[in-house]
PDB file of N, CA and C in Angstrom:
ATOM      1  N   MET A   1     -72.509 -42.888   9.410  1.00  0.00           N
ATOM      2  CA  MET A   1     -73.080 -42.486  10.838  1.00  0.00           C
ATOM      3  C   MET A   1     -74.609 -42.620  10.640  1.00  0.00           C
ATOM      4  N   ASN A   2     -75.465 -42.931   9.927  1.00  0.00           N
ATOM      5  CA  ASN A   2     -76.486 -43.134   9.907  1.00  0.00           C
ATOM      6  C   ASN A   2     -77.121 -44.591  10.225  1.00  0.00           C
ATOM      7  N   VAL A   3     -75.998 -45.441  10.027  1.00  0.00           N
ATOM      8  CA  VAL A   3     -76.379 -46.774  10.072  1.00  0.00           C
ATOM      9  C   VAL A   3     -76.294 -47.267  11.935  1.00  0.00           C
ATOM     10  N   ILE A   4     -75.536 -46.506  12.564  1.00  0.00           N
ATOM     11  CA  ILE A   4     -75.546 -46.741  14.044  1.00  0.00           C
ATOM     12  C   ILE A   4     -76.739 -47.045  14.830  1.00  0.00           C
ATOM     13  N   PRO A   5     -77.733 -45.843  14.375  1.00  0.00           N
ATOM     14  CA  PRO A   5     -79.085 -45.886  15.222  1.00  0.00           C
ATOM     15  C   PRO A   5     -79.919 -46.963  14.601  1.00  0.00           C
ATOM     16  N   LEU A   6     -79.629 -47.468  13.502  1.00  0.00           N
ATOM     17  CA  LEU A   6     -80.188 -48.531  12.713  1.00  0.00           C
ATOM     18  C   LEU A   6     -80.010 -50.167  13.562  1.00  0.00           C
ATOM     19  N   GLU A   7     -78.542 -50.023  13.527  1.00  0.00           N
ATOM     20  CA  GLU A   7     -78.003 -51.244  14.310  1.00  0.00           C
ATOM     21  C   GLU A   7     -78.567 -51.340  15.649  1.00  0.00           C
ATOM     22  N   VAL A   8     -78.509 -50.520  16.457  1.00  0.00           N
ATOM     23  CA  VAL A   8     -78.855 -50.444  17.971  1.00  0.00           C
ATOM     24  C   VAL A   8     -80.373 -51.000  17.733  1.00  0.00           C
ATOM     25  N   PHE A   9     -81.231 -50.233  16.987  1.00  0.00           N
ATOM     26  CA  PHE A   9     -82.615 -50.405  17.160  1.00  0.00           C
ATOM     27  C   PHE A   9     -82.989 -52.087  16.317  1.00  0.00           C
ATOM     28  N   VAL A  10     -82.323 -52.628  15.541  1.00  0.00           N
ATOM     29  CA  VAL A  10     -82.381 -53.843  15.237  1.00  0.00           C
ATOM     30  C   VAL A  10     -81.681 -54.949  16.528  1.00  0.00           C
ATOM     31  N   SER A  11     -80.571 -54.516  17.275  1.00  0.00           N
ATOM     32  CA  SER A  11     -80.385 -55.093  18.107  1.00  0.00           C
ATOM     33  C   SER A  11     -81.119 -55.571  19.196  1.00  0.00           C
ATOM     34  N   LEU A  12     -81.722 -54.360  19.854  1.00  0.00           N
ATOM     35  CA  LEU A  12     -82.784 -54.374  20.678  1.00  0.00           C
ATOM     36  C   LEU A  12     -84.163 -54.959  20.309  1.00  0.00           C
ATOM     37  N   ILE A  13     -84.616 -54.799  19.100  1.00  0.00           N
ATOM     38  CA  ILE A  13     -85.666 -55.840  18.774  1.00  0.00           C
ATOM     39  C   ILE A  13     -85.184 -57.280  19.020  1.00  0.00           C
ATOM     40  N   LEU A  14     -84.071 -57.753  18.454  1.00  0.00           N
ATOM     41  CA  LEU A  14     -83.836 -59.018  18.677  1.00  0.00           C
ATOM     42  C   LEU A  14     -83.808 -59.435  19.999  1.00  0.00           C
ATOM     43  N   GLY A  15     -83.142 -58.781  20.676  1.00  0.00           N
ATOM     44  CA  GLY A  15     -82.958 -58.978  22.142  1.00  0.00           C
ATOM     45  C   GLY A  15     -83.975 -59.130  22.918  1.00  0.00           C
ATOM     46  N   PHE A  16     -85.120 -58.067  22.650  1.00  0.00           N
ATOM     47  CA  PHE A  16     -86.416 -58.386  23.388  1.00  0.00           C
ATOM     48  C   PHE A  16     -87.047 -59.285  22.770  1.00  0.00           C
ATOM     49  N   SER A  17     -87.268 -59.867  21.491  1.00  0.00           N
ATOM     50  CA  SER A  17     -87.645 -60.732  21.063  1.00  0.00           C
ATOM     51  C   SER A  17     -86.933 -62.224  21.394  1.00  0.00           C
ATOM     52  N   SER A  18     -86.076 -62.309  21.912  1.00  0.00           N
ATOM     53  CA  SER A  18     -85.186 -63.627  22.012  1.00  0.00           C
ATOM     54  C   SER A  18     -85.837 -63.657  23.755  1.00  0.00           C
ATOM     55  N   LEU A  19     -85.624 -62.733  24.332  1.00  0.00           N
ATOM     56  CA  LEU A  19     -86.226 -62.764  25.731  1.00  0.00           C
ATOM     57  C   LEU A  19     -87.749 -62.910  25.843  1.00  0.00           C
ATOM     58  N   LEU A  20     -88.711 -62.604  25.064  1.00  0.00           N
ATOM     59  CA  LEU A  20     -89.897 -62.924  24.799  1.00  0.00           C
ATOM     60  C   LEU A  20     -89.989 -64.446  24.655  1.00  0.00           C
ATOM     61  N   LEU A  21     -89.555 -64.744  23.714  1.00  0.00           N
ATOM     62  CA  LEU A  21     -89.624 -66.273  23.494  1.00  0.00           C
ATOM     63  C   LEU A  21     -89.094 -67.184  24.386  1.00  0.00           C
ATOM     64  N   TRP A  22     -88.170 -66.759  25.057  1.00  0.00           N
ATOM     65  CA  TRP A  22     -87.344 -67.594  26.318  1.00  0.00           C
ATOM     66  C   TRP A  22     -88.357 -67.822  27.464  1.00  0.00           C
ATOM     67  N   PHE A  23     -89.049 -66.693  27.699  1.00  0.00           N
ATOM     68  CA  PHE A  23     -89.944 -66.412  28.763  1.00  0.00           C
ATOM     69  C   PHE A  23     -91.461 -67.248  28.176  1.00  0.00           C
ATOM     70  N   PHE A  24     -92.085 -67.211  27.108  1.00  0.00           N
ATOM     71  CA  PHE A  24     -92.898 -68.067  26.518  1.00  0.00           C
ATOM     72  C   PHE A  24     -92.513 -69.606  26.624  1.00  0.00           C
ATOM     73  N   THR A  25     -91.344 -70.192  26.217  1.00  0.00           N
ATOM     74  CA  THR A  25     -90.987 -71.508  26.280  1.00  0.00           C
ATOM     75  C   THR A  25     -90.927 -71.983  27.655  1.00  0.00           C
ATOM     76  N   ASN A  26     -90.527 -71.260  28.432  1.00  0.00           N
ATOM     77  CA  ASN A  26     -90.008 -71.408  30.025  1.00  0.00           C
ATOM     78  C   ASN A  26     -91.519 -71.539  30.750  1.00  0.00           C
ATOM     79  N   ARG A  27     -92.320 -70.924  30.424  1.00  0.00           N
ATOM     80  CA  ARG A  27     -93.695 -70.589  30.857  1.00  0.00           C
ATOM     81  C   ARG A  27     -94.530 -72.021  30.842  1.00  0.00           C
ATOM     82  N   GLN A  28     -94.226 -72.439  29.216  1.00  0.00           N
ATOM     83  CA  GLN A  28     -94.961 -73.550  28.924  1.00  0.00           C
ATOM     84  C   GLN A  28     -94.205 -74.617  29.086  1.00  0.00           C
ATOM     85  N   GLY A  29     -93.231 -75.097  29.923  1.00  0.00           N
ATOM     86  CA  GLY A  29     -92.745 -76.000  30.530  1.00  0.00           C
ATOM     87  C   GLY A  29     -92.001 -77.033  29.184  1.00  0.00           C
ATOM     88  N   ASP A  30     -91.643 -76.357  28.260  1.00  0.00           N
ATOM     89  CA  ASP A  30     -91.238 -77.182  27.412  1.00  0.00           C
ATOM     90  C   ASP A  30     -89.731 -78.129  27.699  1.00  0.00           C
ATOM     91  N   LEU A  31     -88.926 -77.565  28.362  1.00  0.00           N
ATOM     92  CA  LEU A  31     -87.708 -77.962  28.675  1.00  0.00           C
ATOM     93  C   LEU A  31     -87.470 -78.852  29.825  1.00  0.00           C
ATOM     94  N   ASP A  32     -88.633 -78.957  30.467  1.00  0.00           N
ATOM     95  CA  ASP A  32     -88.713 -79.524  31.810  1.00  0.00           C
ATOM     96  C   ASP A  32     -88.112 -81.260  31.488  1.00  0.00           C
ATOM     97  N   GLU A  33     -88.545 -81.566  30.358  1.00  0.00           N
ATOM     98  CA  GLU A  33     -88.227 -83.110  30.374  1.00  0.00           C
ATOM     99  C   GLU A  33     -86.730 -83.457  30.030  1.00  0.00           C
ATOM    100  N   ALA A  34     -85.898 -82.359  29.424  1.00  0.00           N
ATOM    101  CA  ALA A  34     -84.748 -82.193  29.175  1.00  0.00           C
ATOM    102  C   ALA A  34     -83.848 -82.354  30.720  1.00  0.00           C
ATOM    103  N   ASP A  35     -84.454 -81.644  31.749  1.00  0.00           N
ATOM    104  CA  ASP A  35     -83.609 -81.908  32.786  1.00  0.00           C
ATOM    105  C   ASP A  35     -84.051 -82.991  33.286  1.00  0.00           C
ATOM    106  N   ARG A  36     -85.397 -83.697  33.510  1.00  0.00           N
ATOM    107  CA  ARG A  36     -85.196 -85.118  33.780  1.00  0.00           C
ATOM    108  C   ARG A  36     -84.491 -86.196  33.003  1.00  0.00           C
ATOM    109  N   LEU A  37     -84.146 -86.111  31.919  1.00  0.00           N
ATOM    110  CA  LEU A  37     -83.107 -86.805  31.040  1.00  0.00           C
ATOM    111  C   LEU A  37     -81.800 -86.855  31.477  1.00  0.00           C
ATOM    112  N   ALA A  38     -81.314 -85.161  31.696  1.00  0.00           N
ATOM    113  CA  ALA A  38     -80.038 -85.212  32.254  1.00  0.00           C
ATOM    114  C   ALA A  38     -79.562 -85.815  33.695  1.00  0.00           C
ATOM    115  N   LEU A  39     -80.774 -85.734  34.309  1.00  0.00           N
ATOM    116  CA  LEU A  39     -80.721 -86.543  35.634  1.00  0.00           C
ATOM    117  C   LEU A  39     -81.083 -87.889  35.660  1.00  0.00           C
ATOM    118  N   LEU A  40     -81.090 -88.747  34.675  1.00  0.00           N
ATOM    119  CA  LEU A  40     -81.306 -89.909  34.519  1.00  0.00           C
ATOM    120  C   LEU A  40     -80.367 -90.900  35.129  1.00  0.00           C
ATOM    121  N   PRO A  41     -79.141 -90.648  34.364  1.00  0.00           N
ATOM    122  CA  PRO A  41     -77.934 -91.435  34.612  1.00  0.00           C
ATOM    123  C   PRO A  41     -77.658 -91.485  36.385  1.00  0.00           C
ATOM    124  N   LEU A  42     -78.078 -90.741  36.967  1.00  0.00           N
ATOM    125  CA  LEU A  42     -77.745 -90.327  38.345  1.00  0.00           C
ATOM    126  C   LEU A  42     -79.028 -91.168  39.182  1.00  0.00           C
ATOM    127  N   ASP A  43     -79.932 -91.988  38.980  1.00  0.00           N
ATOM    128  CA  ASP A  43     -80.920 -92.572  39.523  1.00  0.00           C
ATOM    129  C   ASP A  43     -80.334 -93.946  39.994  1.00  0.00           C
ATOM    130  N   ASP A  44     -80.689 -94.260  41.024  1.00  0.00           N
ATOM    131  CA  ASP A  44     -80.059 -95.440  41.430  1.00  0.00           C
ATOM    132  C   ASP A  44     -80.937 -96.653  41.470  1.00  0.00           C
ATOM    133  N   THR A  45     -82.426 -96.426  40.974  1.00  0.00           N
ATOM    134  CA  THR A  45     -83.421 -97.351  41.140  1.00  0.00           C
ATOM    135  C   THR A  45     -82.804 -98.431  40.328  1.00  0.00           C
ATOM    136  N   PRO A  46     -83.112 -99.851  40.412  1.00  0.00           N
ATOM    137  CA  PRO A  46     -82.707-100.609  39.306  1.00  0.00           C
ATOM    138  C   PRO A  46     -83.620-100.778  38.244  1.00  0.00           C
ATOM    139  N   PRO A  47     -83.700-101.337  37.009  1.00  0.00           N
ATOM    140  CA  PRO A  47     -84.428-101.010  35.965  1.00  0.00           C
ATOM    141  C   PRO A  47     -85.329-102.198  36.245  1.00  0.00           C
ATOM    142  N   PRO A  48     -86.598-102.298  35.498  1.00  0.00           N
ATOM    143  CA  PRO A  48     -87.563-103.385  35.745  1.00  0.00           C
ATOM    144  C   PRO A  48     -87.044-104.713  35.302  1.00  0.00           C
ATOM    145  N   PRO A  49     -87.509-105.798  35.834  1.00  0.00           N
ATOM    146  CA  PRO A  49     -86.877-107.283  35.230  1.00  0.00           C
ATOM    147  C   PRO A  49     -87.608-107.289  33.377  1.00  0.00           C
ATOM    148  N   ALA A  50     -86.815-107.797  33.018  1.00  0.00           N
ATOM    149  CA  ALA A  50     -87.071-108.025  31.335  1.00  0.00           C
ATOM    150  C   ALA A  50     -87.947-109.402  31.406  1.00  0.00           C
ATOM    151  N   LYS A  51     -88.969-109.179  30.457  1.00  0.00           N
ATOM    152  CA  LYS A  51     -89.932-110.239  30.361  1.00  0.00           C
ATOM    153  C   LYS A  51     -89.114-111.407  29.716  1.00  0.00           C
ATOM    154  N   PRO A  52     -89.489-112.702  29.794  1.00  0.00           N
ATOM    155  CA  PRO A  52     -88.996-113.841  29.075  1.00  0.00           C
ATOM    156  C   PRO A  52     -89.560-113.700  27.643  1.00  0.00           C
ATOM    157  N   ALA A  53     -88.718-114.142  26.982  1.00  0.00           N
ATOM    158  CA  ALA A  53     -89.039-114.138  25.625  1.00  0.00           C
ATOM    159  C   ALA A  53     -89.947-115.398  25.422  1.00  0.00           C
ATOM    160  N   VAL A  54     -91.231-115.560  24.802  1.00  0.00           N
ATOM    161  CA  VAL A  54     -92.324-116.471  24.476  1.00  0.00           C
ATOM    162  C   VAL A  54     -91.782-116.813  23.234  1.00  0.00           C
ATOM    163  N   ARG A  55     -91.420-118.262  23.151  1.00  0.00           N
ATOM    164  CA  ARG A  55     -91.190-118.867  21.645  1.00  0.00           C
ATOM    165  C   ARG A  55     -92.419-119.590  21.270  1.00  0.00           C
ATOM    166  N   PRO A  56     -92.868-119.518  19.979  1.00  0.00           N
ATOM    167  CA  PRO A  56     -93.956-120.095  19.297  1.00  0.00           C
ATOM    168  C   PRO A  56     -93.712-121.895  19.445  1.00  0.00           C
ATOM    169  N   GLU A  57     -94.754-122.613  19.466  1.00  0.00           N
ATOM    170  CA  GLU A  57     -94.574-123.957  19.646  1.00  0.00           C
ATOM    171  C   GLU A  57     -94.313-124.333  18.394  1.00  0.00           C
ATOM    172  N   PRO A  58     -93.499-125.072  18.013  1.00  0.00           N
ATOM    173  CA  PRO A  58     -93.328-125.841  16.631  1.00  0.00           C
ATOM    174  C   PRO A  58     -94.674-126.382  16.107  1.00  0.00           C
ATOM    175  N   LEU A  59     -94.968-126.518  14.784  1.00  0.00           N
ATOM    176  CA  LEU A  59     -96.321-127.385  14.624  1.00  0.00           C
ATOM    177  C   LEU A  59     -95.820-128.510  14.316  1.00  0.00           C
TER     178      LEU A  59
END
């Protein structure tokens, strides 16, 4: 029965540290690009035209 308080303490530390790391990551804006990439297939703008291939002249 002495293990239960230790498990509760470790669980609270893990939960608090995960929330702290999530707030730190969210504040830095590391996940903003994932949102943009997730919405990219819904974009209606046409892609830019491809550049024509330049062939070197034979010698």
